[in-house]
Amino acid sequence: MAKYDFTAKVRVVTLPTATEDFTVNVGMGNSTANTPTNGLYFRLDRLVSPNWLAVLRVNSVETVSDTGIVVPNFNGWTTLRIVVDTDLSEQMFVNGNAITLPSGTLASGNNYYGFFAVINKTAGTTGMLLDIDYTHLKINITTTR
């Protein structure tokens, strides 16, 4: 049974360019900062790849893998899904397709993960938009509170 099951349907309204640059992070993290200390999420970073990137961040150290799935422009919606089992093994999906995971596992212990989505503007002055059609986060709590 999954400990965490996260899904979001997103659309990057305008893709980044050299003059209007930004990154997007969408997924689960232990804070809503641009880069949480611990998390498992998807990233758009045109300087690395035109594809969605899968990011595993543990104790502020990132491992990134390229999903091979291009971030679509304005009219393209993408469904992103992350499943973390009780043993902290992960699965990630883009539009229902399983993708290659970054190596490693999420931090254990007293780490709790929630949904976050961030646009980090790095060049230009025009506002950027990330449309989110829906999000769903199911957390299976297995111990008493």
C-alpha atoms as a PDB file:
ATOM      1  CA  MET A   1       0.000   0.000   0.000  1.00  0.00           C
ATOM      2  CA  ALA A   2       1.249   3.449  -0.880  1.00  0.00           C
ATOM      3  CA  LYS A   3       2.290   5.755   1.923  1.00  0.00           C
ATOM      4  CA  TYR A   4       2.019   8.753  -0.422  1.00  0.00           C
ATOM      5  CA  ASP A   5       0.145   8.955  -3.727  1.00  0.00           C
ATOM      6  CA  PHE A   6       0.370  12.345  -5.459  1.00  0.00           C
ATOM      7  CA  THR A   7      -1.117  13.392  -8.804  1.00  0.00           C
ATOM      8  CA  ALA A   8      -1.292  16.800 -10.493  1.00  0.00           C
ATOM      9  CA  LYS A   9      -2.396  17.894 -13.936  1.00  0.00           C
ATOM     10  CA  VAL A  10      -0.348  20.930 -14.972  1.00  0.00           C
ATOM     11  CA  ARG A  11       0.289  23.223 -17.922  1.00  0.00           C
ATOM     12  CA  VAL A  12       3.214  25.610 -18.363  1.00  0.00           C
ATOM     13  CA  VAL A  13       1.517  28.486 -20.206  1.00  0.00           C
ATOM     14  CA  THR A  14       4.677  29.902 -21.809  1.00  0.00           C
ATOM     15  CA  LEU A  15       7.898  27.928 -22.016  1.00  0.00           C
ATOM     16  CA  PRO A  16      11.077  29.587 -20.723  1.00  0.00           C
ATOM     17  CA  THR A  17      13.492  31.356 -23.068  1.00  0.00           C
ATOM     18  CA  ALA A  18      16.940  32.900 -22.686  1.00  0.00           C
ATOM     19  CA  THR A  19      15.387  36.336 -22.044  1.00  0.00           C
ATOM     20  CA  GLU A  20      12.396  35.158 -19.970  1.00  0.00           C
ATOM     21  CA  ASP A  21      13.818  32.248 -18.023  1.00  0.00           C
ATOM     22  CA  PHE A  22      12.439  30.318 -15.069  1.00  0.00           C
ATOM     23  CA  THR A  23      12.289  26.858 -13.544  1.00  0.00           C
ATOM     24  CA  VAL A  24       9.206  24.985 -12.347  1.00  0.00           C
ATOM     25  CA  ASN A  25       9.077  22.429  -9.535  1.00  0.00           C
ATOM     26  CA  VAL A  26       5.917  20.352  -8.917  1.00  0.00           C
ATOM     27  CA  GLY A  27       5.606  17.435  -6.530  1.00  0.00           C
ATOM     28  CA  MET A  28       6.102  16.501  -2.898  1.00  0.00           C
ATOM     29  CA  GLY A  29       8.474  18.144  -0.457  1.00  0.00           C
ATOM     30  CA  ASN A  30       8.953  18.725   3.241  1.00  0.00           C
ATOM     31  CA  SER A  31       8.572  22.490   2.748  1.00  0.00           C
ATOM     32  CA  THR A  32       7.087  24.858   0.189  1.00  0.00           C
ATOM     33  CA  ALA A  33      10.435  26.536  -0.507  1.00  0.00           C
ATOM     34  CA  ASN A  34      11.860  26.687  -4.049  1.00  0.00           C
ATOM     35  CA  THR A  35      13.958  23.653  -3.157  1.00  0.00           C
ATOM     36  CA  PRO A  36      12.868  21.708  -0.080  1.00  0.00           C
ATOM     37  CA  THR A  37      15.435  19.902   2.066  1.00  0.00           C
ATOM     38  CA  ASN A  38      13.802  16.572   1.175  1.00  0.00           C
ATOM     39  CA  GLY A  39      11.447  15.850  -1.687  1.00  0.00           C
ATOM     40  CA  LEU A  40      10.503  13.961  -4.806  1.00  0.00           C
ATOM     41  CA  TYR A  41       9.232  16.125  -7.637  1.00  0.00           C
ATOM     42  CA  PHE A  42       9.232  17.059 -11.300  1.00  0.00           C
ATOM     43  CA  ARG A  43      11.172  20.009 -12.696  1.00  0.00           C
ATOM     44  CA  LEU A  44      11.253  22.077 -15.865  1.00  0.00           C
ATOM     45  CA  ASP A  45      14.711  23.610 -16.426  1.00  0.00           C
ATOM     46  CA  ARG A  46      15.457  24.544 -20.034  1.00  0.00           C
ATOM     47  CA  LEU A  47      19.184  24.873 -19.282  1.00  0.00           C
ATOM     48  CA  VAL A  48      19.290  21.136 -18.501  1.00  0.00           C
ATOM     49  CA  SER A  49      16.675  19.653 -20.864  1.00  0.00           C
ATOM     50  CA  PRO A  50      13.444  20.437 -22.739  1.00  0.00           C
ATOM     51  CA  ASN A  51      11.994  17.391 -20.937  1.00  0.00           C
ATOM     52  CA  TRP A  52      10.436  17.003 -17.532  1.00  0.00           C
ATOM     53  CA  LEU A  53      13.155  16.111 -15.033  1.00  0.00           C
ATOM     54  CA  ALA A  54      12.615  13.799 -12.058  1.00  0.00           C
ATOM     55  CA  VAL A  55      14.273  15.110  -8.896  1.00  0.00           C
ATOM     56  CA  LEU A  56      15.034  13.292  -5.650  1.00  0.00           C
ATOM     57  CA  ARG A  57      16.312  15.639  -2.947  1.00  0.00           C
ATOM     58  CA  VAL A  58      17.642  14.175   0.319  1.00  0.00           C
ATOM     59  CA  ASN A  59      19.294  16.377   2.959  1.00  0.00           C
ATOM     60  CA  SER A  60      19.607  19.185   0.352  1.00  0.00           C
ATOM     61  CA  VAL A  61      21.487  16.956  -2.141  1.00  0.00           C
ATOM     62  CA  GLU A  62      19.785  16.408  -5.505  1.00  0.00           C
ATOM     63  CA  THR A  63      19.811  13.472  -7.856  1.00  0.00           C
ATOM     64  CA  VAL A  64      18.158  14.246 -11.197  1.00  0.00           C
ATOM     65  CA  SER A  65      17.109  12.052 -14.117  1.00  0.00           C
ATOM     66  CA  ASP A  66      15.676  13.066 -17.493  1.00  0.00           C
ATOM     67  CA  THR A  67      12.198  11.582 -18.087  1.00  0.00           C
ATOM     68  CA  GLY A  68      12.553  11.769 -21.884  1.00  0.00           C
ATOM     69  CA  ILE A  69       9.095  13.389 -22.059  1.00  0.00           C
ATOM     70  CA  VAL A  70       9.056  16.925 -23.500  1.00  0.00           C
ATOM     71  CA  VAL A  71       7.302  19.687 -21.586  1.00  0.00           C
ATOM     72  CA  PRO A  72       4.515  20.755 -23.973  1.00  0.00           C
ATOM     73  CA  ASN A  73       3.781  24.365 -24.824  1.00  0.00           C
ATOM     74  CA  PHE A  74       0.611  26.374 -24.072  1.00  0.00           C
ATOM     75  CA  ASN A  75      -2.107  23.896 -25.028  1.00  0.00           C
ATOM     76  CA  GLY A  76      -0.414  20.813 -23.613  1.00  0.00           C
ATOM     77  CA  TRP A  77      -1.472  19.460 -20.240  1.00  0.00           C
ATOM     78  CA  THR A  78       0.727  16.959 -18.388  1.00  0.00           C
ATOM     79  CA  THR A  79      -0.356  14.542 -15.671  1.00  0.00           C
ATOM     80  CA  LEU A  80       2.414  14.015 -13.116  1.00  0.00           C
ATOM     81  CA  ARG A  81       2.193  11.224 -10.532  1.00  0.00           C
ATOM     82  CA  ILE A  82       4.421  10.131  -7.650  1.00  0.00           C
ATOM     83  CA  VAL A  83       3.849   7.016  -5.542  1.00  0.00           C
ATOM     84  CA  VAL A  84       5.933   6.292  -2.441  1.00  0.00           C
ATOM     85  CA  ASP A  85       5.401   2.931  -0.728  1.00  0.00           C
ATOM     86  CA  THR A  86       5.713   2.359   3.011  1.00  0.00           C
ATOM     87  CA  ASP A  87       9.291   1.071   2.473  1.00  0.00           C
ATOM     88  CA  LEU A  88      10.018   4.473   0.780  1.00  0.00           C
ATOM     89  CA  SER A  89      10.473   2.892  -2.656  1.00  0.00           C
ATOM     90  CA  GLU A  90       9.310   5.328  -5.327  1.00  0.00           C
ATOM     91  CA  GLN A  91       7.520   5.272  -8.648  1.00  0.00           C
ATOM     92  CA  MET A  92       7.059   8.280 -10.918  1.00  0.00           C
ATOM     93  CA  PHE A  93       4.810   8.681 -13.953  1.00  0.00           C
ATOM     94  CA  VAL A  94       4.335  11.288 -16.686  1.00  0.00           C
ATOM     95  CA  ASN A  95       1.002  10.977 -18.510  1.00  0.00           C
ATOM     96  CA  GLY A  96       0.676   7.428 -17.139  1.00  0.00           C
ATOM     97  CA  ASN A  97       4.108   6.325 -18.385  1.00  0.00           C
ATOM     98  CA  ALA A  98       6.578   5.032 -15.787  1.00  0.00           C
ATOM     99  CA  ILE A  99       9.836   6.953 -15.952  1.00  0.00           C
ATOM    100  CA  THR A 100      13.414   6.291 -14.889  1.00  0.00           C
ATOM    101  CA  LEU A 101      13.862   7.312 -11.288  1.00  0.00           C
ATOM    102  CA  PRO A 102      16.717   9.242  -9.757  1.00  0.00           C
ATOM    103  CA  SER A 103      18.852   6.862  -7.676  1.00  0.00           C
ATOM    104  CA  GLY A 104      18.311   6.784  -3.899  1.00  0.00           C
ATOM    105  CA  THR A 105      15.330   6.886  -1.556  1.00  0.00           C
ATOM    106  CA  LEU A 106      13.502   9.591   0.328  1.00  0.00           C
ATOM    107  CA  ALA A 107      14.724  10.507   3.783  1.00  0.00           C
ATOM    108  CA  SER A 108      13.094   8.427   6.511  1.00  0.00           C
ATOM    109  CA  GLY A 109      12.383   9.377  10.103  1.00  0.00           C
ATOM    110  CA  ASN A 110      10.178  12.320  10.981  1.00  0.00           C
ATOM    111  CA  ASN A 111       9.844  13.623   7.445  1.00  0.00           C
ATOM    112  CA  TYR A 112       6.356  14.498   6.285  1.00  0.00           C
ATOM    113  CA  TYR A 113       5.709  15.409   2.679  1.00  0.00           C
ATOM    114  CA  GLY A 114       3.064  17.651   1.155  1.00  0.00           C
ATOM    115  CA  PHE A 115       2.242  19.124  -2.241  1.00  0.00           C
ATOM    116  CA  PHE A 116       4.225  22.066  -3.566  1.00  0.00           C
ATOM    117  CA  ALA A 117       4.481  23.934  -6.881  1.00  0.00           C
ATOM    118  CA  VAL A 118       6.981  26.732  -7.469  1.00  0.00           C
ATOM    119  CA  ILE A 119       7.980  28.970 -10.372  1.00  0.00           C
ATOM    120  CA  ASN A 120      11.452  30.406  -9.812  1.00  0.00           C
ATOM    121  CA  LYS A 121      12.067  33.333 -12.184  1.00  0.00           C
ATOM    122  CA  THR A 122      15.737  33.644 -13.178  1.00  0.00           C
ATOM    123  CA  ALA A 123      15.685  36.181 -16.064  1.00  0.00           C
ATOM    124  CA  GLY A 124      13.294  38.769 -17.495  1.00  0.00           C
ATOM    125  CA  THR A 125      10.384  40.756 -16.090  1.00  0.00           C
ATOM    126  CA  THR A 126       7.302  39.168 -17.693  1.00  0.00           C
ATOM    127  CA  GLY A 127       5.124  37.168 -15.322  1.00  0.00           C
ATOM    128  CA  MET A 128       5.017  33.421 -15.917  1.00  0.00           C
ATOM    129  CA  LEU A 129       2.049  31.134 -15.334  1.00  0.00           C
ATOM    130  CA  LEU A 130       1.701  27.523 -14.258  1.00  0.00           C
ATOM    131  CA  ASP A 131      -1.877  26.296 -14.626  1.00  0.00           C
ATOM    132  CA  ILE A 132      -2.870  23.506 -12.264  1.00  0.00           C
ATOM    133  CA  ASP A 133      -6.098  21.765 -13.238  1.00  0.00           C
ATOM    134  CA  TYR A 134      -6.154  19.542 -10.172  1.00  0.00           C
ATOM    135  CA  THR A 135      -4.008  17.996  -7.476  1.00  0.00           C
ATOM    136  CA  HIS A 136      -4.574  14.923  -5.356  1.00  0.00           C
ATOM    137  CA  LEU A 137      -2.446  13.809  -2.433  1.00  0.00           C
ATOM    138  CA  LYS A 138      -3.351  10.707  -0.457  1.00  0.00           C
ATOM    139  CA  ILE A 139      -1.340  10.013   2.691  1.00  0.00           C
ATOM    140  CA  ASN A 140      -1.683   6.640   4.398  1.00  0.00           C
ATOM    141  CA  ILE A 141      -0.888   7.161   8.093  1.00  0.00           C
ATOM    142  CA  THR A 142       0.066   3.829   9.660  1.00  0.00           C
ATOM    143  CA  THR A 143       0.777   4.892  13.235  1.00  0.00           C
ATOM    144  CA  THR A 144      -1.457   6.459  15.876  1.00  0.00           C
ATOM    145  CA  ARG A 145      -1.298  10.192  16.428  1.00  0.00           C
END
